Amino acid sequence: MKNLLILLGLTFFLSVNSCARRVVVRQPNTVTVVKTLPRDYKVVRINGNRYYTWNGKHYRKTRKGYVVMRI
């Protein structure tokens, strides 16, 4: 009987204390990557970050090119 109570207690403890967690990361719907910027772009700093701007759009430099940002 004592072993049964210990087994039930251990089972309850393990079922309540789960280590599994679900992490959900939202991805943007579309990402626009530009390989090279036009010649007449401007460099601006917003909140300490460097952005390249041209034609009213802001770009951020990445390994694959320049990504259009919404600021």
C-alpha atoms as a PDB file:
ATOM      1  CA  MET A   1       0.000   0.000   0.000  1.00  0.00           C
ATOM      2  CA  LYS A   2       2.860   2.342   0.858  1.00  0.00           C
ATOM      3  CA  ASN A   3       4.495   1.665  -2.519  1.00  0.00           C
ATOM      4  CA  LEU A   4       1.213   2.401  -4.296  1.00  0.00           C
ATOM      5  CA  LEU A   5       0.862   5.776  -2.576  1.00  0.00           C
ATOM      6  CA  ILE A   6       4.462   6.684  -3.428  1.00  0.00           C
ATOM      7  CA  LEU A   7       3.907   5.655  -7.050  1.00  0.00           C
ATOM      8  CA  LEU A   8       0.695   7.696  -7.308  1.00  0.00           C
ATOM      9  CA  GLY A   9       2.370  10.721  -5.693  1.00  0.00           C
ATOM     10  CA  LEU A  10       5.342  10.482  -8.031  1.00  0.00           C
ATOM     11  CA  THR A  11       3.057  10.154 -11.063  1.00  0.00           C
ATOM     12  CA  PHE A  12       1.060  13.222 -10.001  1.00  0.00           C
ATOM     13  CA  PHE A  13       4.245  15.245  -9.416  1.00  0.00           C
ATOM     14  CA  LEU A  14       5.667  14.358 -12.825  1.00  0.00           C
ATOM     15  CA  SER A  15       2.431  15.112 -14.655  1.00  0.00           C
ATOM     16  CA  VAL A  16       2.050  18.565 -13.045  1.00  0.00           C
ATOM     17  CA  ASN A  17       5.661  19.648 -13.402  1.00  0.00           C
ATOM     18  CA  SER A  18       6.170  19.466 -17.175  1.00  0.00           C
ATOM     19  CA  CYS A  19       9.272  20.933 -18.805  1.00  0.00           C
ATOM     20  CA  ALA A  20       7.690  21.266 -22.233  1.00  0.00           C
ATOM     21  CA  ARG A  21       6.916  24.821 -23.312  1.00  0.00           C
ATOM     22  CA  ARG A  22       5.450  26.194 -26.479  1.00  0.00           C
ATOM     23  CA  VAL A  23       7.165  29.123 -28.141  1.00  0.00           C
ATOM     24  CA  VAL A  24       5.369  30.891 -30.979  1.00  0.00           C
ATOM     25  CA  VAL A  25       7.343  33.242 -33.221  1.00  0.00           C
ATOM     26  CA  ARG A  26       5.412  35.457 -35.593  1.00  0.00           C
ATOM     27  CA  GLN A  27       6.984  35.861 -38.998  1.00  0.00           C
ATOM     28  CA  PRO A  28       6.152  38.730 -41.329  1.00  0.00           C
ATOM     29  CA  ASN A  29       3.916  37.863 -44.269  1.00  0.00           C
ATOM     30  CA  THR A  30       6.359  39.004 -46.939  1.00  0.00           C
ATOM     31  CA  VAL A  31       9.991  40.070 -46.816  1.00  0.00           C
ATOM     32  CA  THR A  32      11.443  42.159 -49.620  1.00  0.00           C
ATOM     33  CA  VAL A  33      15.200  41.743 -50.104  1.00  0.00           C
ATOM     34  CA  VAL A  34      17.110  44.057 -52.445  1.00  0.00           C
ATOM     35  CA  LYS A  35      20.616  42.983 -53.501  1.00  0.00           C
ATOM     36  CA  THR A  36      21.966  46.502 -54.130  1.00  0.00           C
ATOM     37  CA  LEU A  37      20.687  49.954 -53.247  1.00  0.00           C
ATOM     38  CA  PRO A  38      20.280  52.775 -55.784  1.00  0.00           C
ATOM     39  CA  ARG A  39      23.144  55.230 -56.069  1.00  0.00           C
ATOM     40  CA  ASP A  40      21.328  58.161 -54.457  1.00  0.00           C
ATOM     41  CA  TYR A  41      20.403  56.518 -51.129  1.00  0.00           C
ATOM     42  CA  LYS A  42      20.836  58.350 -47.818  1.00  0.00           C
ATOM     43  CA  VAL A  43      22.129  56.968 -44.513  1.00  0.00           C
ATOM     44  CA  VAL A  44      19.998  57.849 -41.472  1.00  0.00           C
ATOM     45  CA  ARG A  45      20.209  56.855 -37.816  1.00  0.00           C
ATOM     46  CA  ILE A  46      17.018  56.099 -35.924  1.00  0.00           C
ATOM     47  CA  ASN A  47      17.322  55.169 -32.241  1.00  0.00           C
ATOM     48  CA  GLY A  48      21.010  54.386 -32.744  1.00  0.00           C
ATOM     49  CA  ASN A  49      20.379  52.003 -35.651  1.00  0.00           C
ATOM     50  CA  ARG A  50      21.680  52.631 -39.164  1.00  0.00           C
ATOM     51  CA  TYR A  51      19.106  52.590 -41.954  1.00  0.00           C
ATOM     52  CA  TYR A  52      19.426  53.365 -45.634  1.00  0.00           C
ATOM     53  CA  THR A  53      16.607  55.405 -47.097  1.00  0.00           C
ATOM     54  CA  TRP A  54      15.531  55.960 -50.671  1.00  0.00           C
ATOM     55  CA  ASN A  55      12.189  56.950 -52.168  1.00  0.00           C
ATOM     56  CA  GLY A  56      10.477  57.038 -48.759  1.00  0.00           C
ATOM     57  CA  LYS A  57      11.457  53.477 -47.803  1.00  0.00           C
ATOM     58  CA  HIS A  58      13.936  52.405 -45.141  1.00  0.00           C
ATOM     59  CA  TYR A  59      16.308  49.497 -45.663  1.00  0.00           C
ATOM     60  CA  ARG A  60      18.413  47.492 -43.206  1.00  0.00           C
ATOM     61  CA  LYS A  61      21.614  45.749 -44.288  1.00  0.00           C
ATOM     62  CA  THR A  62      21.703  41.942 -43.866  1.00  0.00           C
ATOM     63  CA  ARG A  63      23.895  39.121 -45.149  1.00  0.00           C
ATOM     64  CA  LYS A  64      21.621  38.478 -48.119  1.00  0.00           C
ATOM     65  CA  GLY A  65      21.143  42.123 -49.115  1.00  0.00           C
ATOM     66  CA  TYR A  66      18.972  44.979 -47.893  1.00  0.00           C
ATOM     67  CA  VAL A  67      15.599  44.303 -46.284  1.00  0.00           C
ATOM     68  CA  VAL A  68      12.753  46.818 -46.531  1.00  0.00           C
ATOM     69  CA  MET A  69      11.759  47.908 -43.011  1.00  0.00           C
ATOM     70  CA  ARG A  70       8.549  49.427 -41.698  1.00  0.00           C
ATOM     71  CA  ILE A  71       9.455  52.159 -39.228  1.00  0.00           C
END
